[in-house]
Amino acid sequence: LSKGRQVSLTKGLSSLRVSVEWKPNTRARNS
């Protein structure tokens, strides 16, 4: 996906898992 894109999901889903992942940015000014 890119910002603004919409995608239809499979009809009749029993469950959906939404995961958010990240890592620390060691190069940030106050990392």
PDB file of all heavy atoms in Angstrom:
ATOM      1  N   LEU A   1       0.821  -1.201   0.000  1.00  0.00           N
ATOM      2  CA  LEU A   1       0.000   0.000   0.000  1.00  0.00           C
ATOM      3  C   LEU A   1       0.859   1.257   0.000  1.00  0.00           C
ATOM      4  O   LEU A   1       1.969   1.257   0.525  1.00  0.00           O
ATOM      5  CB  LEU A   1      -0.912   0.031   1.233  1.00  0.00           C
ATOM      6  CG  LEU A   1      -1.910  -1.107   1.396  1.00  0.00           C
ATOM      7  CD1 LEU A   1      -2.725  -0.902   2.665  1.00  0.00           C
ATOM      8  CD2 LEU A   1      -2.827  -1.204   0.191  1.00  0.00           C
ATOM      9  N   SER A   2       0.328   2.292  -0.565  1.00  0.00           N
ATOM     10  CA  SER A   2       0.906   3.625  -0.457  1.00  0.00           C
ATOM     11  C   SER A   2      -0.180   4.542   0.098  1.00  0.00           C
ATOM     12  O   SER A   2      -1.360   4.189   0.122  1.00  0.00           O
ATOM     13  CB  SER A   2       1.391   4.127  -1.820  1.00  0.00           C
ATOM     14  OG  SER A   2       0.333   4.106  -2.768  1.00  0.00           O
ATOM     15  N   LYS A   3       0.210   5.687   0.565  1.00  0.00           N
ATOM     16  CA  LYS A   3      -0.723   6.621   1.212  1.00  0.00           C
ATOM     17  C   LYS A   3      -1.916   6.912   0.304  1.00  0.00           C
ATOM     18  O   LYS A   3      -1.758   7.263  -0.863  1.00  0.00           O
ATOM     19  CB  LYS A   3       0.014   7.913   1.553  1.00  0.00           C
ATOM     20  CG  LYS A   3      -0.814   8.915   2.353  1.00  0.00           C
ATOM     21  CD  LYS A   3       0.046  10.086   2.760  1.00  0.00           C
ATOM     22  CE  LYS A   3      -0.727  11.097   3.574  1.00  0.00           C
ATOM     23  NZ  LYS A   3       0.128  12.226   4.037  1.00  0.00           N
ATOM     24  N   GLY A   4      -3.118   6.734   0.838  1.00  0.00           N
ATOM     25  CA  GLY A   4      -4.343   7.015   0.103  1.00  0.00           C
ATOM     26  C   GLY A   4      -4.931   5.825  -0.639  1.00  0.00           C
ATOM     27  O   GLY A   4      -6.082   5.876  -1.074  1.00  0.00           O
ATOM     28  N   ARG A   5      -4.170   4.747  -0.761  1.00  0.00           N
ATOM     29  CA  ARG A   5      -4.682   3.600  -1.520  1.00  0.00           C
ATOM     30  C   ARG A   5      -5.718   2.825  -0.698  1.00  0.00           C
ATOM     31  O   ARG A   5      -5.571   2.646   0.512  1.00  0.00           O
ATOM     32  CB  ARG A   5      -3.547   2.650  -1.907  1.00  0.00           C
ATOM     33  CG  ARG A   5      -4.028   1.505  -2.791  1.00  0.00           C
ATOM     34  CD  ARG A   5      -2.912   0.616  -3.280  1.00  0.00           C
ATOM     35  NE  ARG A   5      -3.446  -0.470  -4.101  1.00  0.00           N
ATOM     36  CZ  ARG A   5      -2.725  -1.471  -4.591  1.00  0.00           C
ATOM     37  NH1 ARG A   5      -1.425  -1.513  -4.366  1.00  0.00           N
ATOM     38  NH2 ARG A   5      -3.297  -2.416  -5.312  1.00  0.00           N
ATOM     39  N   GLN A   6      -6.752   2.348  -1.388  1.00  0.00           N
ATOM     40  CA  GLN A   6      -7.807   1.559  -0.769  1.00  0.00           C
ATOM     41  C   GLN A   6      -7.839   0.175  -1.402  1.00  0.00           C
ATOM     42  O   GLN A   6      -7.721   0.042  -2.612  1.00  0.00           O
ATOM     43  CB  GLN A   6      -9.175   2.225  -0.955  1.00  0.00           C
ATOM     44  CG  GLN A   6      -9.287   3.610  -0.330  1.00  0.00           C
ATOM     45  CD  GLN A   6     -10.648   4.231  -0.570  1.00  0.00           C
ATOM     46  OE1 GLN A   6     -11.359   3.867  -1.489  1.00  0.00           O
ATOM     47  NE2 GLN A   6     -11.011   5.184   0.281  1.00  0.00           N
ATOM     48  N   VAL A   7      -8.002  -0.849  -0.547  1.00  0.00           N
ATOM     49  CA  VAL A   7      -8.071  -2.226  -1.031  1.00  0.00           C
ATOM     50  C   VAL A   7      -9.232  -2.931  -0.337  1.00  0.00           C
ATOM     51  O   VAL A   7      -9.330  -2.899   0.899  1.00  0.00           O
ATOM     52  CB  VAL A   7      -6.760  -2.991  -0.769  1.00  0.00           C
ATOM     53  CG1 VAL A   7      -6.911  -4.462  -1.168  1.00  0.00           C
ATOM     54  CG2 VAL A   7      -5.604  -2.362  -1.540  1.00  0.00           C
ATOM     55  N   SER A   8     -10.105  -3.559  -1.110  1.00  0.00           N
ATOM     56  CA  SER A   8     -11.196  -4.341  -0.528  1.00  0.00           C
ATOM     57  C   SER A   8     -10.660  -5.673  -0.017  1.00  0.00           C
ATOM     58  O   SER A   8      -9.829  -6.304  -0.669  1.00  0.00           O
ATOM     59  CB  SER A   8     -12.289  -4.578  -1.572  1.00  0.00           C
ATOM     60  OG  SER A   8     -12.938  -3.371  -1.903  1.00  0.00           O
ATOM     61  N   LEU A   9     -11.144  -6.069   1.138  1.00  0.00           N
ATOM     62  CA  LEU A   9     -10.734  -7.328   1.745  1.00  0.00           C
ATOM     63  C   LEU A   9     -11.721  -8.435   1.358  1.00  0.00           C
ATOM     64  O   LEU A   9     -12.791  -8.166   0.813  1.00  0.00           O
ATOM     65  CB  LEU A   9     -10.669  -7.173   3.262  1.00  0.00           C
ATOM     66  CG  LEU A   9      -9.664  -6.116   3.741  1.00  0.00           C
ATOM     67  CD1 LEU A   9      -9.845  -5.838   5.220  1.00  0.00           C
ATOM     68  CD2 LEU A   9      -8.238  -6.556   3.461  1.00  0.00           C
ATOM     69  N   THR A  10     -11.340  -9.660   1.637  1.00  0.00           N
ATOM     70  CA  THR A  10     -12.171 -10.803   1.290  1.00  0.00           C
ATOM     71  C   THR A  10     -13.516 -10.722   2.001  1.00  0.00           C
ATOM     72  O   THR A  10     -13.580 -10.450   3.206  1.00  0.00           O
ATOM     73  CB  THR A  10     -11.462 -12.116   1.677  1.00  0.00           C
ATOM     74  OG1 THR A  10     -10.193 -12.160   1.014  1.00  0.00           O
ATOM     75  CG2 THR A  10     -12.288 -13.320   1.264  1.00  0.00           C
ATOM     76  N   LYS A  11     -14.581 -10.957   1.286  1.00  0.00           N
ATOM     77  CA  LYS A  11     -15.922 -10.895   1.861  1.00  0.00           C
ATOM     78  C   LYS A  11     -16.131 -12.056   2.830  1.00  0.00           C
ATOM     79  O   LYS A  11     -15.675 -13.169   2.606  1.00  0.00           O
ATOM     80  CB  LYS A  11     -16.973 -10.946   0.752  1.00  0.00           C
ATOM     81  CG  LYS A  11     -18.391 -10.702   1.222  1.00  0.00           C
ATOM     82  CD  LYS A  11     -19.348 -10.619   0.055  1.00  0.00           C
ATOM     83  CE  LYS A  11     -20.760 -10.309   0.513  1.00  0.00           C
ATOM     84  NZ  LYS A  11     -21.710 -10.185  -0.629  1.00  0.00           N
ATOM     85  N   GLY A  12     -16.810 -11.777   3.946  1.00  0.00           N
ATOM     86  CA  GLY A  12     -17.148 -12.826   4.897  1.00  0.00           C
ATOM     87  C   GLY A  12     -16.022 -13.260   5.806  1.00  0.00           C
ATOM     88  O   GLY A  12     -16.022 -14.394   6.295  1.00  0.00           O
ATOM     89  N   LEU A  13     -15.069 -12.392   6.085  1.00  0.00           N
ATOM     90  CA  LEU A  13     -13.953 -12.742   6.969  1.00  0.00           C
ATOM     91  C   LEU A  13     -14.453 -13.074   8.377  1.00  0.00           C
ATOM     92  O   LEU A  13     -15.357 -12.423   8.902  1.00  0.00           O
ATOM     93  CB  LEU A  13     -12.974 -11.576   7.071  1.00  0.00           C
ATOM     94  CG  LEU A  13     -12.105 -11.264   5.849  1.00  0.00           C
ATOM     95  CD1 LEU A  13     -11.343  -9.973   6.088  1.00  0.00           C
ATOM     96  CD2 LEU A  13     -11.146 -12.400   5.568  1.00  0.00           C
ATOM     97  N   SER A  14     -13.835 -14.075   8.986  1.00  0.00           N
ATOM     98  CA  SER A  14     -14.165 -14.397  10.372  1.00  0.00           C
ATOM     99  C   SER A  14     -13.307 -13.585  11.336  1.00  0.00           C
ATOM    100  O   SER A  14     -13.730 -13.288  12.461  1.00  0.00           O
ATOM    101  CB  SER A  14     -13.989 -15.893  10.639  1.00  0.00           C
ATOM    102  OG  SER A  14     -12.638 -16.277  10.415  1.00  0.00           O
ATOM    103  N   SER A  15     -12.098 -13.221  10.913  1.00  0.00           N
ATOM    104  CA  SER A  15     -11.237 -12.397  11.760  1.00  0.00           C
ATOM    105  C   SER A  15     -10.212 -11.663  10.904  1.00  0.00           C
ATOM    106  O   SER A  15      -9.906 -12.065   9.785  1.00  0.00           O
ATOM    107  CB  SER A  15     -10.513 -13.248  12.813  1.00  0.00           C
ATOM    108  OG  SER A  15      -9.558 -14.096  12.207  1.00  0.00           O
ATOM    109  N   LEU A  16      -9.705 -10.597  11.486  1.00  0.00           N
ATOM    110  CA  LEU A  16      -8.709  -9.765  10.816  1.00  0.00           C
ATOM    111  C   LEU A  16      -7.695  -9.348  11.869  1.00  0.00           C
ATOM    112  O   LEU A  16      -8.069  -8.931  12.968  1.00  0.00           O
ATOM    113  CB  LEU A  16      -9.398  -8.532  10.222  1.00  0.00           C
ATOM    114  CG  LEU A  16      -8.661  -7.732   9.158  1.00  0.00           C
ATOM    115  CD1 LEU A  16      -8.576  -8.530   7.866  1.00  0.00           C
ATOM    116  CD2 LEU A  16      -9.401  -6.426   8.896  1.00  0.00           C
ATOM    117  N   ARG A  17      -6.412  -9.496  11.564  1.00  0.00           N
ATOM    118  CA  ARG A  17      -5.365  -9.073  12.499  1.00  0.00           C
ATOM    119  C   ARG A  17      -4.600  -7.907  11.891  1.00  0.00           C
ATOM    120  O   ARG A  17      -4.118  -7.983  10.766  1.00  0.00           O
ATOM    121  CB  ARG A  17      -4.413 -10.235  12.797  1.00  0.00           C
ATOM    122  CG  ARG A  17      -3.253  -9.853  13.719  1.00  0.00           C
ATOM    123  CD  ARG A  17      -2.597 -11.093  14.332  1.00  0.00           C
ATOM    124  NE  ARG A  17      -2.041 -11.981  13.325  1.00  0.00           N
ATOM    125  CZ  ARG A  17      -0.758 -12.008  12.968  1.00  0.00           C
ATOM    126  NH1 ARG A  17       0.101 -11.158  13.521  1.00  0.00           N
ATOM    127  NH2 ARG A  17      -0.329 -12.875  12.068  1.00  0.00           N
ATOM    128  N   VAL A  18      -4.514  -6.824  12.653  1.00  0.00           N
ATOM    129  CA  VAL A  18      -3.777  -5.639  12.218  1.00  0.00           C
ATOM    130  C   VAL A  18      -2.574  -5.473  13.131  1.00  0.00           C
ATOM    131  O   VAL A  18      -2.713  -5.310  14.345  1.00  0.00           O
ATOM    132  CB  VAL A  18      -4.666  -4.379  12.258  1.00  0.00           C
ATOM    133  CG1 VAL A  18      -3.862  -3.146  11.834  1.00  0.00           C
ATOM    134  CG2 VAL A  18      -5.892  -4.555  11.357  1.00  0.00           C
ATOM    135  N   SER A  19      -1.388  -5.535  12.552  1.00  0.00           N
ATOM    136  CA  SER A  19      -0.140  -5.471  13.302  1.00  0.00           C
ATOM    137  C   SER A  19       0.614  -4.196  12.936  1.00  0.00           C
ATOM    138  O   SER A  19       0.696  -3.829  11.764  1.00  0.00           O
ATOM    139  CB  SER A  19       0.712  -6.708  12.982  1.00  0.00           C
ATOM    140  OG  SER A  19       2.006  -6.586  13.533  1.00  0.00           O
ATOM    141  N   VAL A  20       1.163  -3.530  13.950  1.00  0.00           N
ATOM    142  CA  VAL A  20       1.975  -2.334  13.744  1.00  0.00           C
ATOM    143  C   VAL A  20       3.372  -2.622  14.285  1.00  0.00           C
ATOM    144  O   VAL A  20       3.524  -3.016  15.439  1.00  0.00           O
ATOM    145  CB  VAL A  20       1.376  -1.110  14.457  1.00  0.00           C
ATOM    146  CG1 VAL A  20       2.202   0.143  14.136  1.00  0.00           C
ATOM    147  CG2 VAL A  20      -0.072  -0.911  14.082  1.00  0.00           C
ATOM    148  N   GLU A  21       4.384  -2.437  13.450  1.00  0.00           N
ATOM    149  CA  GLU A  21       5.752  -2.754  13.847  1.00  0.00           C
ATOM    150  C   GLU A  21       6.661  -1.552  13.593  1.00  0.00           C
ATOM    151  O   GLU A  21       6.431  -0.766  12.673  1.00  0.00           O
ATOM    152  CB  GLU A  21       6.264  -3.959  13.048  1.00  0.00           C
ATOM    153  CG  GLU A  21       5.417  -5.218  13.231  1.00  0.00           C
ATOM    154  CD  GLU A  21       5.820  -6.338  12.291  1.00  0.00           C
ATOM    155  OE1 GLU A  21       6.817  -6.161  11.558  1.00  0.00           O
ATOM    156  OE2 GLU A  21       5.135  -7.371  12.281  1.00  0.00           O
ATOM    157  N   TRP A  22       7.697  -1.429  14.399  1.00  0.00           N
ATOM    158  CA  TRP A  22       8.662  -0.346  14.245  1.00  0.00           C
ATOM    159  C   TRP A  22       9.975  -0.735  14.915  1.00  0.00           C
ATOM    160  O   TRP A  22      10.042  -1.690  15.680  1.00  0.00           O
ATOM    161  CB  TRP A  22       8.119   0.946  14.866  1.00  0.00           C
ATOM    162  CG  TRP A  22       7.957   0.857  16.347  1.00  0.00           C
ATOM    163  CD1 TRP A  22       8.885   1.107  17.312  1.00  0.00           C
ATOM    164  CD2 TRP A  22       6.772   0.464  17.052  1.00  0.00           C
ATOM    165  NE1 TRP A  22       8.372   0.894  18.563  1.00  0.00           N
ATOM    166  CE2 TRP A  22       7.072   0.504  18.428  1.00  0.00           C
ATOM    167  CE3 TRP A  22       5.492   0.092  16.640  1.00  0.00           C
ATOM    168  CZ2 TRP A  22       6.138   0.172  19.392  1.00  0.00           C
ATOM    169  CZ3 TRP A  22       4.561  -0.234  17.614  1.00  0.00           C
ATOM    170  CH2 TRP A  22       4.881  -0.192  18.955  1.00  0.00           C
ATOM    171  N   LYS A  23      11.005   0.050  14.632  1.00  0.00           N
ATOM    172  CA  LYS A  23      12.304  -0.115  15.271  1.00  0.00           C
ATOM    173  C   LYS A  23      12.808   1.266  15.684  1.00  0.00           C
ATOM    174  O   LYS A  23      12.481   2.269  15.050  1.00  0.00           O
ATOM    175  CB  LYS A  23      13.317  -0.762  14.313  1.00  0.00           C
ATOM    176  CG  LYS A  23      12.966  -2.189  13.911  1.00  0.00           C
ATOM    177  CD  LYS A  23      14.000  -2.725  12.934  1.00  0.00           C
ATOM    178  CE  LYS A  23      13.642  -4.140  12.486  1.00  0.00           C
ATOM    179  NZ  LYS A  23      14.623  -4.671  11.505  1.00  0.00           N
ATOM    180  N   PRO A  24      13.623   1.336  16.734  1.00  0.00           N
ATOM    181  CA  PRO A  24      14.197   2.629  17.121  1.00  0.00           C
ATOM    182  C   PRO A  24      15.125   3.157  16.025  1.00  0.00           C
ATOM    183  O   PRO A  24      15.872   2.395  15.404  1.00  0.00           O
ATOM    184  CB  PRO A  24      14.989   2.300  18.392  1.00  0.00           C
ATOM    185  CG  PRO A  24      14.428   1.011  18.887  1.00  0.00           C
ATOM    186  CD  PRO A  24      13.994   0.261  17.679  1.00  0.00           C
ATOM    187  N   ASN A  25      15.079   4.446  15.797  1.00  0.00           N
ATOM    188  CA  ASN A  25      15.969   5.095  14.848  1.00  0.00           C
ATOM    189  C   ASN A  25      17.193   5.601  15.614  1.00  0.00           C
ATOM    190  O   ASN A  25      17.149   6.641  16.262  1.00  0.00           O
ATOM    191  CB  ASN A  25      15.254   6.252  14.148  1.00  0.00           C
ATOM    192  CG  ASN A  25      16.156   6.979  13.177  1.00  0.00           C
ATOM    193  OD1 ASN A  25      17.258   6.509  12.853  1.00  0.00           O
ATOM    194  ND2 ASN A  25      15.708   8.128  12.694  1.00  0.00           N
ATOM    195  N   THR A  26      18.270   4.861  15.554  1.00  0.00           N
ATOM    196  CA  THR A  26      19.460   5.198  16.342  1.00  0.00           C
ATOM    197  C   THR A  26      20.167   6.450  15.837  1.00  0.00           C
ATOM    198  O   THR A  26      21.035   6.992  16.514  1.00  0.00           O
ATOM    199  CB  THR A  26      20.460   4.027  16.337  1.00  0.00           C
ATOM    200  OG1 THR A  26      20.795   3.697  14.974  1.00  0.00           O
ATOM    201  CG2 THR A  26      19.852   2.808  17.010  1.00  0.00           C
ATOM    202  N   ARG A  27      19.758   6.929  14.654  1.00  0.00           N
ATOM    203  CA  ARG A  27      20.387   8.133  14.104  1.00  0.00           C
ATOM    204  C   ARG A  27      19.617   9.402  14.446  1.00  0.00           C
ATOM    205  O   ARG A  27      20.040  10.499  14.100  1.00  0.00           O
ATOM    206  CB  ARG A  27      20.502   8.010  12.577  1.00  0.00           C
ATOM    207  CG  ARG A  27      21.442   6.891  12.138  1.00  0.00           C
ATOM    208  CD  ARG A  27      21.609   6.886  10.637  1.00  0.00           C
ATOM    209  NE  ARG A  27      22.550   5.852  10.203  1.00  0.00           N
ATOM    210  CZ  ARG A  27      22.924   5.668   8.947  1.00  0.00           C
ATOM    211  NH1 ARG A  27      22.415   6.437   7.978  1.00  0.00           N
ATOM    212  NH2 ARG A  27      23.788   4.708   8.645  1.00  0.00           N
ATOM    213  N   ALA A  28      18.496   9.259  15.118  1.00  0.00           N
ATOM    214  CA  ALA A  28      17.711  10.434  15.490  1.00  0.00           C
ATOM    215  C   ALA A  28      18.475  11.284  16.499  1.00  0.00           C
ATOM    216  O   ALA A  28      19.299  10.779  17.266  1.00  0.00           O
ATOM    217  CB  ALA A  28      16.372  10.008  16.073  1.00  0.00           C
ATOM    218  N   ARG A  29      18.152  12.565  16.524  1.00  0.00           N
ATOM    219  CA  ARG A  29      18.887  13.513  17.356  1.00  0.00           C
ATOM    220  C   ARG A  29      18.833  13.132  18.842  1.00  0.00           C
ATOM    221  O   ARG A  29      19.815  13.242  19.551  1.00  0.00           O
ATOM    222  CB  ARG A  29      18.305  14.925  17.159  1.00  0.00           C
ATOM    223  CG  ARG A  29      18.975  16.005  17.993  1.00  0.00           C
ATOM    224  CD  ARG A  29      18.465  17.384  17.594  1.00  0.00           C
ATOM    225  NE  ARG A  29      17.021  17.439  17.644  1.00  0.00           N
ATOM    226  CZ  ARG A  29      16.334  17.713  18.751  1.00  0.00           C
ATOM    227  NH1 ARG A  29      16.969  17.951  19.880  1.00  0.00           N
ATOM    228  NH2 ARG A  29      15.019  17.777  18.727  1.00  0.00           N
ATOM    229  N   ASN A  30      17.679  12.691  19.332  1.00  0.00           N
ATOM    230  CA  ASN A  30      17.550  12.318  20.742  1.00  0.00           C
ATOM    231  C   ASN A  30      17.257  10.831  20.869  1.00  0.00           C
ATOM    232  O   ASN A  30      16.421  10.405  21.671  1.00  0.00           O
ATOM    233  CB  ASN A  30      16.462  13.143  21.426  1.00  0.00           C
ATOM    234  CG  ASN A  30      15.154  13.128  20.635  1.00  0.00           C
ATOM    235  OD1 ASN A  30      15.098  12.605  19.530  1.00  0.00           O
ATOM    236  ND2 ASN A  30      14.116  13.696  21.212  1.00  0.00           N
ATOM    237  N   SER A  31      17.982  10.031  20.088  1.00  0.00           N
ATOM    238  CA  SER A  31      17.735   8.587  20.046  1.00  0.00           C
ATOM    239  C   SER A  31      18.085   7.878  21.354  1.00  0.00           C
ATOM    240  O   SER A  31      17.707   6.741  21.558  1.00  0.00           O
ATOM    241  CB  SER A  31      18.521   7.944  18.895  1.00  0.00           C
ATOM    242  OG  SER A  31      19.909   8.146  19.062  1.00  0.00           O
TER     243      SER A  31
END
